[in-house]
């Protein structure tokens, strides 16, 4: 006696019935459509990204290790990583990660956070909109400090040959211009973010 179409469908494996190929999932597992699955992270590409940020950061005046840590935290999932996780990911010592995180915490690019159930400190990138504004405000403070130092040097150059005063005066005026532009950029950003 031939089986009915309903019985044939019921006798097929769950994987085949769902339109898939191969074996049914093990006990307690459900089939998930392929489109819902996240691709595996490419750890090698992520390390290369962190290295590239490190080289950029070094060229910009920071340490390469701080840039590498920043690059790793930018792609971290979950977003909080411990020193030992960062060290393992980057293939470096925990001590070098500790020094690098201090460099990133001071200007507000990274925050030390607690993760429930863990005794070790974790770190999270805080660059988002607010973090970038805090970072930029720190840059403005540094520029203002440099302008003040140049003004002090200009006063000290008063009794020296004219070219000494001209050189430091031009530098001061240039950085005063930069300071004004930095403040204007931050104001425009605030208006845009509203």
N, C-alpha and C. Protein backbone atom coordinates (compact mmCIF):
# COMPACT_ATOMS: atom_id res chain seq x y z
N UNK A 1 0.84 -1.17 0.00
CA UNK A 1 0.00 0.00 0.00
C UNK A 1 0.88 1.23 0.00
N UNK A 2 0.63 2.16 -0.87
CA UNK A 2 1.45 3.37 -0.98
C UNK A 2 1.12 4.30 0.17
N UNK A 3 2.16 4.96 0.68
CA UNK A 3 1.93 5.91 1.79
C UNK A 3 1.40 7.21 1.24
N UNK A 4 0.62 7.90 2.07
CA UNK A 4 0.04 9.17 1.65
C UNK A 4 1.11 10.26 1.68
N UNK A 5 0.91 11.36 0.91
CA UNK A 5 1.90 12.44 0.90
C UNK A 5 2.19 13.00 2.28
N UNK A 6 1.19 13.08 3.17
CA UNK A 6 1.40 13.60 4.52
C UNK A 6 2.35 12.73 5.31
N UNK A 7 2.19 11.40 5.17
CA UNK A 7 3.08 10.48 5.89
C UNK A 7 4.49 10.55 5.36
N UNK A 8 4.64 10.71 4.05
CA UNK A 8 5.99 10.81 3.47
C UNK A 8 6.70 12.02 4.01
N UNK A 9 6.03 13.18 4.10
CA UNK A 9 6.66 14.40 4.60
C UNK A 9 7.05 14.23 6.05
N UNK A 10 6.21 13.52 6.82
CA UNK A 10 6.51 13.35 8.23
C UNK A 10 7.70 12.43 8.44
N UNK A 11 7.92 11.50 7.50
CA UNK A 11 9.02 10.55 7.67
C UNK A 11 10.36 11.13 7.24
N UNK A 12 10.37 12.26 6.55
CA UNK A 12 11.63 12.87 6.13
C UNK A 12 12.33 13.46 7.34
N UNK A 13 13.63 13.59 7.26
CA UNK A 13 14.37 14.17 8.38
C UNK A 13 13.99 15.63 8.54
N UNK A 14 14.08 16.18 9.77
CA UNK A 14 13.72 17.59 9.99
C UNK A 14 14.54 18.54 9.11
N UNK A 15 15.80 18.19 8.84
CA UNK A 15 16.62 19.06 8.00
C UNK A 15 16.08 19.09 6.58
N UNK A 16 15.71 17.91 6.05
CA UNK A 16 15.18 17.84 4.70
C UNK A 16 13.80 18.51 4.63
N UNK A 17 13.00 18.30 5.68
CA UNK A 17 11.66 18.88 5.70
C UNK A 17 11.73 20.40 5.72
N UNK A 18 12.77 20.94 6.33
CA UNK A 18 12.93 22.39 6.40
C UNK A 18 13.56 22.95 5.14
N UNK A 19 13.83 22.08 4.19
CA UNK A 19 14.40 22.55 2.93
C UNK A 19 15.92 22.55 2.95
N UNK A 20 16.50 22.04 4.01
CA UNK A 20 17.97 22.02 4.11
C UNK A 20 18.52 20.73 3.58
N UNK A 21 19.82 20.58 3.68
CA UNK A 21 20.48 19.36 3.24
C UNK A 21 21.22 18.78 4.42
N UNK A 22 21.39 17.49 4.42
CA UNK A 22 22.21 16.88 5.46
C UNK A 22 21.39 16.42 6.63
N UNK A 23 22.09 16.27 7.77
CA UNK A 23 21.51 15.67 8.96
C UNK A 23 20.64 16.66 9.72
N UNK A 24 19.76 16.08 10.49
CA UNK A 24 18.93 16.88 11.40
C UNK A 24 19.81 17.33 12.56
N UNK A 25 19.45 18.45 13.20
CA UNK A 25 20.23 18.89 14.34
C UNK A 25 20.09 17.91 15.48
N UNK A 26 21.05 17.90 16.39
CA UNK A 26 21.04 17.01 17.55
C UNK A 26 19.90 17.34 18.49
N UNK A 27 19.74 16.51 19.53
CA UNK A 27 18.64 16.73 20.48
C UNK A 27 18.74 18.11 21.12
N UNK A 28 17.61 18.77 21.28
CA UNK A 28 17.57 20.07 21.93
C UNK A 28 17.99 21.22 21.04
N UNK A 29 18.41 20.95 19.82
CA UNK A 29 18.84 22.02 18.91
C UNK A 29 17.76 22.25 17.87
N UNK A 30 17.62 23.50 17.45
CA UNK A 30 16.63 23.83 16.44
C UNK A 30 17.33 24.33 15.19
N UNK A 31 16.67 24.13 14.10
CA UNK A 31 17.20 24.66 12.85
C UNK A 31 17.04 26.17 12.83
N UNK A 32 18.05 26.86 12.40
CA UNK A 32 17.97 28.31 12.25
C UNK A 32 18.23 28.65 10.79
N UNK A 33 17.47 29.56 10.24
CA UNK A 33 17.72 29.96 8.86
C UNK A 33 19.12 30.55 8.75
N UNK A 34 19.79 30.25 7.64
CA UNK A 34 21.16 30.72 7.45
C UNK A 34 21.27 32.23 7.51
N UNK A 35 20.27 32.96 7.07
CA UNK A 35 20.37 34.42 7.04
C UNK A 35 20.44 35.02 8.44
N UNK A 36 19.94 34.27 9.48
CA UNK A 36 19.98 34.78 10.85
C UNK A 36 21.32 34.55 11.53
N UNK A 37 22.16 33.73 10.97
CA UNK A 37 23.44 33.42 11.59
C UNK A 37 24.44 34.54 11.31
N UNK A 38 25.14 34.95 12.37
CA UNK A 38 26.18 35.98 12.22
C UNK A 38 27.44 35.31 11.70
N UNK A 39 28.15 35.97 10.79
CA UNK A 39 29.40 35.38 10.33
C UNK A 39 30.42 35.37 11.46
N UNK A 40 31.28 34.37 11.44
CA UNK A 40 32.35 34.29 12.43
C UNK A 40 33.27 35.49 12.26
N UNK A 41 33.68 36.12 13.37
CA UNK A 41 34.58 37.25 13.22
C UNK A 41 35.93 36.79 12.67
N UNK A 42 36.52 37.60 11.85
CA UNK A 42 37.82 37.31 11.26
C UNK A 42 38.87 37.89 12.21
N UNK A 43 39.35 37.08 13.16
CA UNK A 43 40.28 37.54 14.20
C UNK A 43 41.58 38.08 13.60
N UNK A 44 42.04 37.47 12.54
CA UNK A 44 43.28 37.94 11.92
C UNK A 44 43.09 39.35 11.35
N UNK A 45 41.98 39.56 10.65
CA UNK A 45 41.69 40.89 10.09
C UNK A 45 41.50 41.91 11.21
N UNK A 46 40.88 41.49 12.32
CA UNK A 46 40.70 42.40 13.46
C UNK A 46 42.04 42.80 14.07
N UNK A 47 42.97 41.84 14.18
CA UNK A 47 44.32 42.16 14.70
C UNK A 47 45.06 43.09 13.73
N UNK A 48 44.90 42.87 12.44
CA UNK A 48 45.53 43.74 11.44
C UNK A 48 44.96 45.16 11.54
N UNK A 49 43.65 45.26 11.78
CA UNK A 49 43.02 46.56 11.98
C UNK A 49 43.61 47.25 13.22
N UNK A 50 43.71 46.49 14.31
CA UNK A 50 44.28 47.05 15.55
C UNK A 50 45.73 47.50 15.31
N UNK A 51 46.49 46.73 14.55
CA UNK A 51 47.87 47.13 14.22
C UNK A 51 47.90 48.41 13.41
N UNK A 52 46.99 48.53 12.44
CA UNK A 52 46.94 49.74 11.60
C UNK A 52 46.58 50.97 12.44
N UNK A 53 45.61 50.82 13.37
CA UNK A 53 45.28 51.92 14.28
C UNK A 53 46.51 52.25 15.14
N UNK A 54 47.24 51.23 15.54
CA UNK A 54 48.46 51.44 16.33
C UNK A 54 49.49 52.27 15.60
N UNK A 55 49.73 51.97 14.33
CA UNK A 55 50.69 52.76 13.53
C UNK A 55 50.20 54.19 13.36
N UNK A 56 48.89 54.34 13.10
CA UNK A 56 48.32 55.69 12.97
C UNK A 56 48.51 56.46 14.28
N UNK A 57 48.17 55.81 15.39
CA UNK A 57 48.25 56.47 16.70
C UNK A 57 49.68 56.90 17.01
N UNK A 58 50.62 56.05 16.66
CA UNK A 58 52.04 56.38 16.88
C UNK A 58 52.45 57.58 16.02
N UNK A 59 52.02 57.59 14.76
CA UNK A 59 52.33 58.73 13.88
C UNK A 59 51.69 60.02 14.40
N UNK A 60 50.56 59.90 15.10
CA UNK A 60 49.85 61.07 15.63
C UNK A 60 50.41 61.53 16.98
N UNK A 61 51.42 60.81 17.49
CA UNK A 61 52.09 61.24 18.72
C UNK A 61 51.83 60.39 19.94
N UNK A 62 51.01 59.36 19.82
CA UNK A 62 50.77 58.46 20.94
C UNK A 62 51.69 57.26 20.87
N UNK A 63 51.40 56.25 21.67
CA UNK A 63 52.19 55.02 21.60
C UNK A 63 51.45 54.02 20.71
N UNK A 64 52.22 53.21 20.04
CA UNK A 64 51.62 52.20 19.15
C UNK A 64 50.72 51.26 19.93
N UNK A 65 51.14 50.87 21.15
CA UNK A 65 50.34 49.93 21.93
C UNK A 65 48.99 50.52 22.29
N UNK A 66 48.94 51.81 22.65
CA UNK A 66 47.65 52.43 22.96
C UNK A 66 46.74 52.40 21.72
N UNK A 67 47.29 52.65 20.56
CA UNK A 67 46.51 52.58 19.33
C UNK A 67 46.00 51.18 19.06
N UNK A 68 46.83 50.17 19.33
CA UNK A 68 46.41 48.78 19.12
C UNK A 68 45.27 48.42 20.06
N UNK A 69 45.39 48.85 21.32
CA UNK A 69 44.32 48.58 22.29
C UNK A 69 43.03 49.28 21.86
N UNK A 70 43.15 50.53 21.42
CA UNK A 70 41.99 51.26 20.93
C UNK A 70 41.34 50.53 19.75
N UNK A 71 42.15 50.07 18.81
CA UNK A 71 41.63 49.33 17.66
C UNK A 71 40.91 48.06 18.08
N UNK A 72 41.46 47.34 19.06
CA UNK A 72 40.82 46.11 19.54
C UNK A 72 39.49 46.43 20.22
N UNK A 73 39.45 47.51 21.01
CA UNK A 73 38.22 47.87 21.71
C UNK A 73 37.14 48.40 20.77
N UNK A 74 37.55 49.03 19.68
CA UNK A 74 36.56 49.52 18.71
C UNK A 74 35.74 48.38 18.11
N UNK A 75 36.34 47.19 17.98
CA UNK A 75 35.65 46.05 17.38
C UNK A 75 35.24 45.00 18.40
N UNK A 76 35.41 45.29 19.69
CA UNK A 76 35.14 44.30 20.73
C UNK A 76 33.67 43.91 20.79
N UNK A 77 33.41 42.62 20.88
CA UNK A 77 32.06 42.09 21.02
C UNK A 77 32.14 40.88 21.94
N UNK A 78 31.72 41.01 23.18
CA UNK A 78 31.05 42.13 23.83
C UNK A 78 31.98 43.34 23.94
N UNK A 79 31.43 44.52 24.16
CA UNK A 79 32.23 45.74 24.12
C UNK A 79 33.22 45.91 25.26
N UNK A 80 33.11 45.12 26.33
CA UNK A 80 34.04 45.22 27.45
C UNK A 80 35.03 44.07 27.39
N UNK A 81 36.31 44.39 27.48
CA UNK A 81 37.36 43.37 27.50
C UNK A 81 38.26 43.60 28.70
N UNK A 82 38.73 42.52 29.31
CA UNK A 82 39.67 42.61 30.42
C UNK A 82 41.08 42.80 29.87
N UNK A 83 42.00 43.15 30.77
CA UNK A 83 43.40 43.29 30.36
C UNK A 83 43.93 41.98 29.79
N UNK A 84 43.58 40.86 30.44
CA UNK A 84 44.09 39.58 29.95
C UNK A 84 43.47 39.22 28.59
N UNK A 85 42.21 39.57 28.38
CA UNK A 85 41.60 39.31 27.06
C UNK A 85 42.27 40.17 25.98
N UNK A 86 42.51 41.44 26.30
CA UNK A 86 43.20 42.31 25.34
C UNK A 86 44.60 41.79 25.06
N UNK A 87 45.31 41.38 26.11
CA UNK A 87 46.68 40.87 25.94
C UNK A 87 46.69 39.63 25.05
N UNK A 88 45.76 38.72 25.30
CA UNK A 88 45.69 37.50 24.49
C UNK A 88 45.33 37.82 23.05
N UNK A 89 44.38 38.72 22.84
CA UNK A 89 43.95 39.08 21.49
C UNK A 89 45.09 39.72 20.69
N UNK A 90 45.86 40.59 21.36
CA UNK A 90 46.93 41.31 20.67
C UNK A 90 48.28 40.59 20.72
N UNK A 91 48.38 39.54 21.54
CA UNK A 91 49.63 38.80 21.66
C UNK A 91 50.71 39.61 22.37
N UNK A 92 50.32 40.30 23.45
CA UNK A 92 51.26 41.14 24.21
C UNK A 92 51.08 40.86 25.70
N UNK A 93 51.92 41.50 26.52
CA UNK A 93 51.83 41.30 27.97
C UNK A 93 50.70 42.13 28.57
N UNK A 94 50.19 41.67 29.71
CA UNK A 94 49.15 42.41 30.42
C UNK A 94 49.69 43.76 30.91
N UNK A 95 50.98 43.81 31.24
CA UNK A 95 51.58 45.07 31.71
C UNK A 95 51.56 46.13 30.61
N UNK A 96 51.83 45.74 29.37
CA UNK A 96 51.80 46.72 28.28
C UNK A 96 50.38 47.18 28.00
N UNK A 97 49.40 46.30 28.20
CA UNK A 97 48.00 46.69 28.04
C UNK A 97 47.62 47.68 29.13
N UNK A 98 48.09 47.45 30.36
CA UNK A 98 47.79 48.35 31.48
C UNK A 98 48.30 49.76 31.21
N UNK A 99 49.54 49.87 30.72
CA UNK A 99 50.11 51.18 30.39
C UNK A 99 49.31 51.84 29.28
N UNK A 100 48.95 51.07 28.27
CA UNK A 100 48.20 51.61 27.12
C UNK A 100 46.82 52.10 27.53
N UNK A 101 46.14 51.35 28.40
CA UNK A 101 44.79 51.77 28.79
C UNK A 101 44.85 53.08 29.59
N UNK A 102 45.88 53.27 30.38
CA UNK A 102 46.02 54.55 31.10
C UNK A 102 46.13 55.71 30.12
N UNK A 103 46.88 55.50 29.03
CA UNK A 103 47.02 56.55 28.01
C UNK A 103 45.69 56.87 27.36
N UNK A 104 44.81 55.89 27.24
CA UNK A 104 43.51 56.09 26.58
C UNK A 104 42.43 56.57 27.55
N UNK A 105 42.58 56.27 28.83
CA UNK A 105 41.59 56.70 29.82
C UNK A 105 41.71 58.20 30.06
N UNK A 106 42.93 58.72 30.15
CA UNK A 106 43.13 60.15 30.47
C UNK A 106 42.37 61.10 29.55
N UNK A 107 42.43 60.93 28.23
CA UNK A 107 41.67 61.85 27.37
C UNK A 107 40.21 61.45 27.17
N UNK A 108 39.75 60.39 27.82
CA UNK A 108 38.35 60.01 27.74
C UNK A 108 37.99 59.10 26.58
N UNK A 109 38.96 58.42 25.99
CA UNK A 109 38.66 57.53 24.86
C UNK A 109 38.24 56.14 25.32
N UNK A 110 38.67 55.75 26.52
CA UNK A 110 38.39 54.44 27.07
C UNK A 110 38.00 54.62 28.53
N UNK A 111 37.09 53.78 29.01
CA UNK A 111 36.69 53.81 30.42
C UNK A 111 36.95 52.46 31.05
N UNK A 112 37.32 52.49 32.32
CA UNK A 112 37.45 51.26 33.11
C UNK A 112 36.06 50.96 33.65
N UNK A 113 35.58 49.73 33.44
CA UNK A 113 34.23 49.36 33.86
C UNK A 113 34.26 48.04 34.62
N UNK A 114 33.23 47.83 35.42
CA UNK A 114 33.05 46.56 36.13
C UNK A 114 32.06 45.71 35.36
N UNK A 115 32.36 44.43 35.27
CA UNK A 115 31.45 43.49 34.63
C UNK A 115 30.99 42.52 35.70
N UNK A 116 29.69 42.38 35.84
CA UNK A 116 29.12 41.51 36.87
C UNK A 116 29.70 40.10 36.77
N UNK A 117 30.10 39.58 37.93
CA UNK A 117 30.64 38.22 37.97
C UNK A 117 32.12 38.12 37.69
N UNK A 118 32.78 39.26 37.44
CA UNK A 118 34.22 39.25 37.16
C UNK A 118 34.93 40.14 38.16
N UNK A 119 36.07 39.68 38.67
CA UNK A 119 36.83 40.49 39.61
C UNK A 119 37.79 41.44 38.90
N UNK A 120 38.19 41.07 37.71
CA UNK A 120 39.16 41.87 36.95
C UNK A 120 38.48 43.08 36.30
N UNK A 121 39.20 44.20 36.28
CA UNK A 121 38.69 45.38 35.57
C UNK A 121 38.56 45.06 34.09
N UNK A 122 37.57 45.66 33.47
CA UNK A 122 37.37 45.56 32.02
C UNK A 122 37.44 46.98 31.45
N UNK A 123 37.64 47.06 30.15
CA UNK A 123 37.78 48.35 29.48
C UNK A 123 36.81 48.41 28.32
N UNK A 124 36.29 49.61 28.11
CA UNK A 124 35.30 49.82 27.05
C UNK A 124 35.64 51.11 26.32
N UNK A 125 35.53 51.08 25.01
CA UNK A 125 35.75 52.28 24.19
C UNK A 125 34.58 53.23 24.43
N UNK A 126 34.90 54.51 24.64
CA UNK A 126 33.85 55.50 24.91
C UNK A 126 33.85 56.60 23.85
N UNK A 127 34.37 56.28 22.67
CA UNK A 127 34.54 57.30 21.65
C UNK A 127 33.23 57.85 21.13
N UNK A 128 32.13 57.15 21.14
CA UNK A 128 30.87 57.66 20.62
C UNK A 128 30.77 59.18 20.58
N UNK A 129 29.66 59.72 20.31
CA UNK A 129 29.48 61.16 20.15
C UNK A 129 29.97 61.92 21.38
N UNK A 130 29.56 61.49 22.57
CA UNK A 130 29.97 62.19 23.79
C UNK A 130 31.46 62.01 24.02
N UNK A 131 31.97 60.81 23.83
CA UNK A 131 33.40 60.55 24.03
C UNK A 131 34.27 61.38 23.10
N UNK A 132 33.84 61.52 21.86
CA UNK A 132 34.64 62.33 20.91
C UNK A 132 34.63 63.80 21.33
N UNK A 133 33.51 64.29 21.83
CA UNK A 133 33.45 65.68 22.28
C UNK A 133 34.39 65.90 23.46
N UNK A 134 34.39 64.95 24.40
CA UNK A 134 35.30 65.04 25.56
C UNK A 134 36.74 65.01 25.08
N UNK A 135 37.05 64.11 24.15
CA UNK A 135 38.40 64.01 23.60
C UNK A 135 38.80 65.32 22.93
N UNK A 136 37.89 65.89 22.16
CA UNK A 136 38.19 67.12 21.44
C UNK A 136 38.37 68.30 22.40
N UNK A 137 37.56 68.31 23.47
CA UNK A 137 37.73 69.35 24.49
C UNK A 137 39.11 69.27 25.13
N UNK A 138 39.59 68.05 25.31
CA UNK A 138 40.95 67.88 25.85
C UNK A 138 41.99 68.43 24.87
N UNK A 139 41.78 68.21 23.58
CA UNK A 139 42.69 68.76 22.56
C UNK A 139 42.68 70.30 22.63
N UNK A 140 41.49 70.89 22.82
CA UNK A 140 41.36 72.35 22.92
C UNK A 140 42.14 72.85 24.13
N UNK A 141 42.01 72.15 25.27
CA UNK A 141 42.76 72.55 26.47
C UNK A 141 44.26 72.49 26.22
N UNK A 142 44.70 71.45 25.51
CA UNK A 142 46.13 71.33 25.20
C UNK A 142 46.59 72.45 24.28
N UNK A 143 45.78 72.81 23.30
CA UNK A 143 46.14 73.91 22.40
C UNK A 143 46.21 75.23 23.18
N UNK A 144 45.22 75.46 24.05
CA UNK A 144 45.21 76.69 24.87
C UNK A 144 46.48 76.75 25.73
N UNK A 145 46.85 75.62 26.30
CA UNK A 145 48.07 75.56 27.13
C UNK A 145 49.30 75.91 26.30
N UNK A 146 49.36 75.42 25.08
CA UNK A 146 50.51 75.70 24.21
C UNK A 146 50.54 77.19 23.83
N UNK A 147 49.37 77.77 23.56
CA UNK A 147 49.30 79.21 23.25
C UNK A 147 49.83 80.01 24.43
N UNK A 148 49.42 79.64 25.64
CA UNK A 148 49.90 80.34 26.84
C UNK A 148 51.42 80.22 26.99
N UNK A 149 51.94 79.03 26.71
CA UNK A 149 53.40 78.84 26.78
C UNK A 149 54.12 79.68 25.73
N UNK A 150 53.56 79.75 24.53
CA UNK A 150 54.19 80.56 23.48
C UNK A 150 54.15 82.04 23.83
N UNK A 151 53.06 82.51 24.44
CA UNK A 151 52.97 83.91 24.88
C UNK A 151 54.03 84.19 25.93
N UNK A 152 54.24 83.25 26.82
CA UNK A 152 55.29 83.39 27.84
C UNK A 152 56.66 83.48 27.17
N UNK A 153 56.89 82.60 26.19
CA UNK A 153 58.16 82.63 25.45
C UNK A 153 58.35 83.93 24.70
N UNK A 154 57.25 84.45 24.16
CA UNK A 154 57.30 85.72 23.42
C UNK A 154 57.76 86.86 24.34
N UNK A 155 57.25 86.85 25.58
CA UNK A 155 57.67 87.88 26.54
C UNK A 155 59.16 87.73 26.87
N UNK A 156 59.60 86.48 26.99
CA UNK A 156 61.02 86.24 27.29
C UNK A 156 61.92 86.63 26.12
N UNK A 157 61.39 86.60 24.91
CA UNK A 157 62.18 86.94 23.72
C UNK A 157 62.29 88.44 23.50
N UNK A 158 61.64 89.24 24.34
CA UNK A 158 61.60 90.70 24.14
C UNK A 158 62.99 91.31 24.04
N UNK A 159 63.98 90.84 24.80
CA UNK A 159 65.33 91.43 24.76
C UNK A 159 66.26 90.77 23.77
N UNK A 160 65.78 89.86 22.97
CA UNK A 160 66.62 89.12 22.02
C UNK A 160 66.50 89.72 20.62
N UNK A 161 67.33 89.27 19.69
CA UNK A 161 67.22 89.77 18.31
C UNK A 161 65.80 89.60 17.78
N UNK A 162 65.38 90.50 16.91
CA UNK A 162 64.00 90.57 16.41
C UNK A 162 63.51 89.25 15.83
N UNK A 163 64.38 88.54 15.10
CA UNK A 163 63.91 87.29 14.45
C UNK A 163 63.45 86.25 15.47
N UNK A 164 64.02 86.28 16.68
CA UNK A 164 63.58 85.32 17.71
C UNK A 164 62.12 85.63 18.10
N UNK A 165 61.83 86.89 18.35
CA UNK A 165 60.48 87.29 18.72
C UNK A 165 59.48 87.07 17.59
N UNK A 166 59.93 87.33 16.35
CA UNK A 166 59.05 87.15 15.19
C UNK A 166 58.66 85.68 15.06
N UNK A 167 59.63 84.78 15.21
CA UNK A 167 59.38 83.35 15.06
C UNK A 167 58.36 82.85 16.08
N UNK A 168 58.60 83.18 17.34
CA UNK A 168 57.69 82.68 18.38
C UNK A 168 56.33 83.39 18.31
N UNK A 169 56.32 84.66 17.87
CA UNK A 169 55.07 85.39 17.70
C UNK A 169 54.21 84.78 16.60
N UNK A 170 54.84 84.39 15.49
CA UNK A 170 54.10 83.74 14.39
C UNK A 170 53.51 82.41 14.85
N UNK A 171 54.31 81.69 15.63
CA UNK A 171 53.82 80.41 16.14
C UNK A 171 52.62 80.62 17.05
N UNK A 172 52.71 81.61 17.94
CA UNK A 172 51.60 81.89 18.85
C UNK A 172 50.34 82.27 18.08
N UNK A 173 50.47 83.14 17.09
CA UNK A 173 49.31 83.57 16.30
C UNK A 173 48.69 82.38 15.54
N UNK A 174 49.53 81.51 15.01
CA UNK A 174 49.03 80.34 14.30
C UNK A 174 48.21 79.46 15.25
N UNK A 175 48.74 79.18 16.43
CA UNK A 175 48.03 78.31 17.36
C UNK A 175 46.82 78.99 18.00
N UNK A 176 46.82 80.31 18.09
CA UNK A 176 45.60 81.02 18.49
C UNK A 176 44.51 80.82 17.45
N UNK A 177 44.89 80.86 16.18
CA UNK A 177 43.94 80.60 15.09
C UNK A 177 43.40 79.17 15.20
N UNK A 178 44.29 78.21 15.43
CA UNK A 178 43.87 76.81 15.58
C UNK A 178 42.89 76.69 16.74
N UNK A 179 43.20 77.36 17.85
CA UNK A 179 42.35 77.32 19.03
C UNK A 179 40.95 77.85 18.72
N UNK A 180 40.87 78.97 18.02
CA UNK A 180 39.56 79.52 17.64
C UNK A 180 38.79 78.55 16.75
N UNK A 181 39.49 77.95 15.79
CA UNK A 181 38.84 77.01 14.87
C UNK A 181 38.38 75.75 15.59
N UNK A 182 39.18 75.26 16.52
CA UNK A 182 38.78 74.07 17.28
C UNK A 182 37.49 74.33 18.05
N UNK A 183 37.42 75.48 18.71
CA UNK A 183 36.22 75.83 19.47
C UNK A 183 35.01 75.95 18.54
N UNK A 184 35.21 76.53 17.37
CA UNK A 184 34.12 76.68 16.40
C UNK A 184 33.66 75.32 15.89
N UNK A 185 34.58 74.42 15.66
CA UNK A 185 34.23 73.06 15.21
C UNK A 185 33.37 72.37 16.26
N UNK A 186 33.77 72.48 17.53
CA UNK A 186 33.01 71.84 18.59
C UNK A 186 31.61 72.45 18.70
N UNK A 187 31.49 73.78 18.55
CA UNK A 187 30.18 74.43 18.55
C UNK A 187 29.31 73.93 17.41
N UNK A 188 29.91 73.83 16.20
CA UNK A 188 29.14 73.34 15.05
C UNK A 188 28.70 71.90 15.26
N UNK A 189 29.57 71.09 15.87
CA UNK A 189 29.22 69.70 16.12
C UNK A 189 28.04 69.62 17.09
N UNK A 190 28.09 70.44 18.15
CA UNK A 190 26.99 70.45 19.12
C UNK A 190 25.68 70.80 18.44
N UNK A 191 25.68 71.79 17.54
CA UNK A 191 24.48 72.19 16.83
C UNK A 191 23.98 71.07 15.91
N UNK A 192 24.91 70.40 15.28
CA UNK A 192 24.55 69.31 14.35
C UNK A 192 23.98 68.13 15.11
N UNK A 193 24.50 67.86 16.31
CA UNK A 193 24.08 66.69 17.08
C UNK A 193 22.70 66.88 17.72
N UNK A 194 22.20 68.12 17.78
CA UNK A 194 20.89 68.38 18.42
C UNK A 194 19.74 67.88 17.60
